[in-house]
Amino acid sequence: MIPSPVFPEVPALVVGHVGHTREVPLRHAFRHRSYQWLIDVDDLPRLPFWLRPLAGFRAEDHLDGGSSGRGVRGDLGVFLAGRGVDLAPTDRVLMLANARVLGHVFDPLTVFWVQSDDGVLRAVVFEVHNTYGGRHAYLLDIDRSGHASTDKAFYVSPFNDMAGTYDIRLQVDPGHVSVTVGLDRDDARVLTATTRGTAEPATCRALLRVSLTHLLMPHRVSALIRFHGIRLWLRRLPIVPRPTPSKEVTS
C-alpha cells in the first residue's frame, strides 16, 4: 500500500505553466501560462450564478461521458472495476482538469486520484484527450516516488504513432501540483510534456483574477495546439495517419 499524497485544500486553482519539448526527429519547444482545477468529484465548486460561465464541470467531458448514470464517479467506478479495482463508497476521488469556460473545454490530460478514508492511495488514472474528440484512460501503477510507466495505446498527435512508453511523474503537496509525461521510443526520449503550478483556494476573487490573466483558457489551449501543429507541419515533420477514433475507455 502506498500512502496518499497530501493534497491542497479543494476546490483549488493550480496556476502555473505548461511546457512541451519535442526532441526527435526535430527539436521544438514551448512554454505557456496555464491553470487547472483540482476538485473533489463528489463536491463540485459552488459558484454564484454570474461566475458559472467561467467554470463548468460535466460528466460528458470525461471517461464514458456519463453513461453509467452516476456522473464522473460512476464512470470511473466502471473503468476501475474492469481492471480489478473496486471503488469503495468511502473513497475520495480528486480530479485535476480544465473546466468549461463559456461552454468550451479542451483538456489534454486529466488526472484522477482515488484516496481511501484511511490515507491510502488506491488508484491513479490518467485520461488523455486528443483534438479529434477521442479520449483514453490508463490505470497507472504508481510507486512511492510518484513514478509510473505505461505503454502508449492511444493516438494523440498527428506526428506520433501509438508506439512507445509513457514515463510519468506526479508531485503533489499542499502548495504545488506537477505532472510530467515523457514519451520514450527505442530507448530515446521523443518528447516531454509538463504541467506544474501553485495551488490556491478557488475563491470567487481568485477565479476572477485567473480568468482575466488567462483569458479564455480552454479556447487558447485548443488554438495553441493547432498553431504548434501547423509550425511542425511547415517544418516537414511527417504526419502519421489516424486510426479509427474511439471514445471507449471502460471496457
Protein backbone atom coordinates (compact mmCIF):
# COMPACT_ATOMS: atom_id res chain seq x y z
CA MET A 1 0.00 0.00 0.00
CA ILE A 2 1.20 3.50 -0.91
CA PRO A 3 0.38 6.47 1.34
CA SER A 4 -1.71 9.10 -0.40
CA PRO A 5 -0.08 12.46 -1.18
CA VAL A 6 -1.05 15.42 0.97
CA PHE A 7 -3.29 17.32 -1.39
CA PRO A 8 -4.08 21.03 -1.41
CA GLU A 9 -7.42 22.04 0.03
CA VAL A 10 -10.06 21.62 -2.67
CA PRO A 11 -11.51 23.09 -4.75
CA ALA A 12 -8.23 24.67 -5.78
CA LEU A 13 -6.87 26.55 -8.77
CA VAL A 14 -3.47 25.28 -9.86
CA VAL A 15 -1.88 28.26 -11.60
CA GLY A 16 1.40 27.93 -13.45
CA HIS A 17 2.75 26.81 -16.81
CA VAL A 18 2.52 24.02 -19.33
CA GLY A 19 5.60 23.10 -21.32
CA HIS A 20 6.33 20.74 -24.19
CA THR A 21 9.66 19.72 -25.67
CA ARG A 22 10.00 17.51 -28.74
CA GLU A 23 13.46 16.01 -29.16
CA VAL A 24 13.25 13.91 -32.35
CA PRO A 25 13.21 13.88 -35.31
CA LEU A 26 13.43 17.66 -34.85
CA ARG A 27 13.52 19.87 -31.78
CA HIS A 28 10.54 22.06 -30.93
CA ALA A 29 9.72 23.51 -27.52
CA PHE A 30 7.22 25.89 -25.99
CA ARG A 31 6.02 27.11 -22.61
CA HIS A 32 2.72 28.85 -21.92
CA ARG A 33 0.84 30.12 -18.89
CA SER A 34 -1.95 27.84 -17.77
CA TYR A 35 -4.23 26.89 -14.91
CA GLN A 36 -6.23 23.83 -13.96
CA TRP A 37 -8.75 22.90 -11.31
CA LEU A 38 -8.21 20.35 -8.55
CA ILE A 39 -11.62 19.23 -7.32
CA ASP A 40 -13.45 16.50 -5.43
CA VAL A 41 -15.80 14.93 -7.99
CA ASP A 42 -18.42 14.44 -5.26
CA ASP A 43 -18.25 18.07 -4.13
CA LEU A 44 -18.07 20.29 -7.18
CA PRO A 45 -17.30 24.01 -6.80
CA ARG A 46 -20.32 26.04 -5.72
CA LEU A 47 -20.18 29.29 -7.63
CA PRO A 48 -22.61 32.21 -7.80
CA PHE A 49 -24.65 32.17 -11.00
CA TRP A 50 -22.68 35.04 -12.54
CA LEU A 51 -19.41 33.11 -12.27
CA ARG A 52 -20.67 29.77 -13.54
CA PRO A 53 -19.84 30.52 -17.20
CA LEU A 54 -16.17 30.63 -16.11
CA ALA A 55 -16.06 27.13 -14.61
CA GLY A 56 -18.30 24.25 -15.62
CA PHE A 57 -17.79 20.54 -14.97
CA ARG A 58 -19.77 17.91 -16.89
CA ALA A 59 -19.64 14.13 -16.84
CA GLU A 60 -19.85 14.12 -20.64
CA ASP A 61 -16.34 15.59 -20.83
CA HIS A 62 -14.63 12.59 -19.23
CA LEU A 63 -14.32 8.80 -19.36
CA ASP A 64 -17.51 7.27 -20.82
CA GLY A 65 -19.37 10.58 -20.96
CA GLY A 66 -21.65 9.84 -18.01
CA SER A 67 -23.02 6.61 -19.48
CA SER A 68 -23.07 5.00 -16.03
CA GLY A 69 -25.75 7.47 -14.98
CA ARG A 70 -23.75 8.30 -11.86
CA GLY A 71 -21.54 11.08 -13.15
CA VAL A 72 -17.76 11.04 -13.33
CA ARG A 73 -17.50 8.91 -10.20
CA GLY A 74 -19.80 6.28 -11.67
CA ASP A 75 -17.86 6.09 -14.92
CA LEU A 76 -14.58 5.88 -13.01
CA GLY A 77 -16.01 3.04 -10.91
CA VAL A 78 -16.90 1.10 -14.06
CA PHE A 79 -13.45 1.72 -15.53
CA LEU A 80 -11.68 0.56 -12.36
CA ALA A 81 -13.93 -2.48 -11.89
CA GLY A 82 -12.96 -3.63 -15.37
CA ARG A 83 -9.37 -3.64 -14.18
CA GLY A 84 -9.91 -5.38 -10.87
CA VAL A 85 -10.16 -2.32 -8.60
CA ASP A 86 -13.24 -1.71 -6.50
CA LEU A 87 -14.15 1.94 -5.95
CA ALA A 88 -15.49 1.93 -2.39
CA PRO A 89 -18.29 4.31 -1.35
CA THR A 90 -15.94 5.86 1.22
CA ASP A 91 -13.14 6.51 -1.29
CA ARG A 92 -12.40 10.10 -2.18
CA VAL A 93 -11.88 10.92 -5.86
CA LEU A 94 -9.86 14.01 -6.75
CA MET A 95 -9.63 15.26 -10.33
CA LEU A 96 -7.08 17.60 -11.92
CA ALA A 97 -8.67 19.01 -15.07
CA ASN A 98 -9.62 22.02 -17.13
CA ALA A 99 -13.09 23.42 -16.63
CA ARG A 100 -15.53 24.56 -19.28
CA VAL A 101 -15.27 28.30 -19.95
CA LEU A 102 -18.18 29.88 -21.83
CA GLY A 103 -19.30 26.38 -22.76
CA HIS A 104 -16.00 25.21 -24.26
CA VAL A 105 -13.43 22.81 -22.84
CA PHE A 106 -10.34 21.09 -24.11
CA ASP A 107 -8.48 19.03 -21.56
CA PRO A 108 -5.36 17.33 -22.96
CA LEU A 109 -4.74 15.49 -19.71
CA THR A 110 -6.97 14.73 -16.74
CA VAL A 111 -5.65 13.00 -13.63
CA PHE A 112 -7.80 11.12 -11.11
CA TRP A 113 -6.55 10.12 -7.67
CA VAL A 114 -8.54 7.63 -5.59
CA GLN A 115 -7.82 8.03 -1.90
CA SER A 116 -9.16 5.75 0.84
CA ASP A 117 -10.55 7.17 4.06
CA ASP A 118 -7.51 5.82 5.94
CA GLY A 119 -5.00 7.73 3.80
CA VAL A 120 -4.02 5.08 1.24
CA LEU A 121 -3.64 5.87 -2.45
CA ARG A 122 -5.80 3.19 -4.05
CA ALA A 123 -5.58 4.18 -7.73
CA VAL A 124 -4.34 6.81 -10.15
CA VAL A 125 -5.93 7.19 -13.58
CA PHE A 126 -4.63 9.27 -16.48
CA GLU A 127 -7.14 10.31 -19.11
CA VAL A 128 -5.66 11.60 -22.37
CA HIS A 129 -7.73 13.63 -24.84
CA ASN A 130 -6.90 14.42 -28.46
CA THR A 131 -8.14 17.19 -30.72
CA TYR A 132 -10.31 14.74 -32.70
CA GLY A 133 -12.76 14.27 -29.84
CA GLY A 134 -11.29 10.98 -28.63
CA ARG A 135 -10.08 10.08 -25.17
CA HIS A 136 -8.44 7.13 -23.47
CA ALA A 137 -7.77 6.32 -19.81
CA TYR A 138 -4.81 4.50 -18.30
CA LEU A 139 -4.72 2.89 -14.85
CA LEU A 140 -1.23 3.62 -13.53
CA ASP A 141 0.92 1.59 -11.17
CA ILE A 142 2.40 4.45 -9.13
CA ASP A 143 5.38 3.85 -6.85
CA ARG A 144 6.19 5.72 -3.64
CA SER A 145 8.10 8.41 -5.50
CA GLY A 146 5.14 9.19 -7.76
CA HIS A 147 6.62 7.46 -10.80
CA ALA A 148 4.85 5.15 -13.26
CA SER A 149 5.26 3.88 -16.78
CA THR A 150 2.70 2.55 -19.24
CA ASP A 151 2.65 1.59 -22.89
CA LYS A 152 1.14 4.19 -25.22
CA ALA A 153 -2.22 2.94 -26.50
CA PHE A 154 -3.94 5.99 -27.96
CA TYR A 155 -3.40 8.30 -30.95
CA VAL A 156 -2.84 11.83 -29.67
CA SER A 157 -0.59 13.82 -32.01
CA PRO A 158 -0.70 13.54 -35.81
CA PHE A 159 3.11 13.41 -35.65
CA ASN A 160 3.32 10.28 -33.47
CA ASP A 161 2.02 6.76 -33.94
CA MET A 162 0.98 4.63 -30.98
CA ALA A 163 4.41 3.10 -30.38
CA GLY A 164 6.34 3.88 -27.24
CA THR A 165 6.10 4.06 -23.48
CA TYR A 166 4.98 6.91 -21.25
CA ASP A 167 7.29 7.76 -18.36
CA ILE A 168 5.15 9.61 -15.82
CA ARG A 169 5.98 11.53 -12.65
CA LEU A 170 3.49 13.08 -10.26
CA GLN A 171 4.40 15.50 -7.49
CA VAL A 172 1.70 16.75 -5.16
CA ASP A 173 1.91 18.69 -1.91
CA PRO A 174 -0.34 21.25 -0.21
CA GLY A 175 1.08 24.10 -2.29
CA HIS A 176 2.03 22.61 -5.64
CA VAL A 177 0.96 20.11 -8.28
CA SER A 178 3.26 18.89 -11.05
CA VAL A 179 2.70 16.29 -13.78
CA THR A 180 5.46 15.26 -16.19
CA VAL A 181 4.88 12.85 -19.06
CA GLY A 182 7.72 11.67 -21.27
CA LEU A 183 7.28 9.54 -24.39
CA ASP A 184 10.13 7.08 -24.92
CA ARG A 185 10.65 5.01 -28.04
CA ASP A 186 13.59 2.76 -28.97
CA ASP A 187 15.49 3.83 -25.84
CA ALA A 188 15.25 7.51 -26.81
CA ARG A 189 13.13 10.36 -25.44
CA VAL A 190 10.75 11.58 -28.14
CA LEU A 191 9.04 14.33 -26.18
CA THR A 192 8.34 15.59 -22.67
CA ALA A 193 5.21 17.42 -21.54
CA THR A 194 5.00 19.09 -18.16
CA THR A 195 2.31 20.98 -16.33
CA ARG A 196 3.02 22.50 -12.94
CA GLY A 197 1.54 25.17 -10.79
CA THR A 198 0.90 26.66 -7.39
CA ALA A 199 -2.34 25.66 -5.72
CA GLU A 200 -4.60 28.26 -4.14
CA PRO A 201 -8.17 28.15 -2.82
CA ALA A 202 -10.69 28.60 -5.62
CA THR A 203 -12.39 31.68 -4.21
CA CYS A 204 -14.54 33.95 -6.36
CA ARG A 205 -11.82 36.59 -6.27
CA ALA A 206 -9.15 34.08 -7.35
CA LEU A 207 -11.29 32.76 -10.19
CA LEU A 208 -11.97 36.26 -11.48
CA ARG A 209 -8.28 37.14 -11.36
CA VAL A 210 -7.15 33.97 -13.10
CA SER A 211 -9.89 34.25 -15.72
CA LEU A 212 -8.64 37.74 -16.59
CA THR A 213 -4.93 36.86 -16.64
CA HIS A 214 -5.56 33.60 -18.54
CA LEU A 215 -8.35 34.80 -20.79
CA LEU A 216 -10.46 32.01 -22.37
CA MET A 217 -8.01 29.34 -21.23
CA PRO A 218 -9.56 26.27 -22.96
CA HIS A 219 -10.03 28.21 -26.19
CA ARG A 220 -6.36 29.24 -26.06
CA VAL A 221 -5.28 25.65 -25.42
CA SER A 222 -7.18 24.45 -28.50
CA ALA A 223 -5.78 27.26 -30.65
CA LEU A 224 -2.18 26.83 -29.45
CA ILE A 225 -2.18 23.08 -30.09
CA ARG A 226 -3.20 23.75 -33.69
CA PHE A 227 -0.72 26.61 -34.01
CA HIS A 228 2.21 24.46 -32.93
CA GLY A 229 0.95 21.62 -35.12
CA ILE A 230 1.00 23.91 -38.17
CA ARG A 231 4.55 25.01 -37.30
CA LEU A 232 5.68 21.38 -37.16
CA TRP A 233 3.94 20.62 -40.45
CA LEU A 234 5.63 23.61 -42.10
CA ARG A 235 8.95 22.19 -40.87
CA ARG A 236 8.01 19.00 -42.75
CA LEU A 237 7.58 16.72 -39.75
CA PRO A 238 5.82 13.63 -41.22
CA ILE A 239 2.15 13.12 -40.38
CA VAL A 240 1.08 9.69 -39.13
CA PRO A 241 -2.38 8.57 -40.35
CA ARG A 242 -5.00 8.42 -37.63
CA PRO A 243 -6.67 5.07 -36.87
CA THR A 244 -10.41 4.77 -36.40
CA PRO A 245 -11.24 7.07 -33.47
CA SER A 246 -12.79 5.75 -30.28
CA LYS A 247 -14.07 7.23 -27.03
CA GLU A 248 -14.50 3.87 -25.35
CA VAL A 249 -12.42 3.68 -22.18
CA THR A 250 -14.29 1.43 -19.75
CA SER A 251 -14.09 -1.98 -21.38
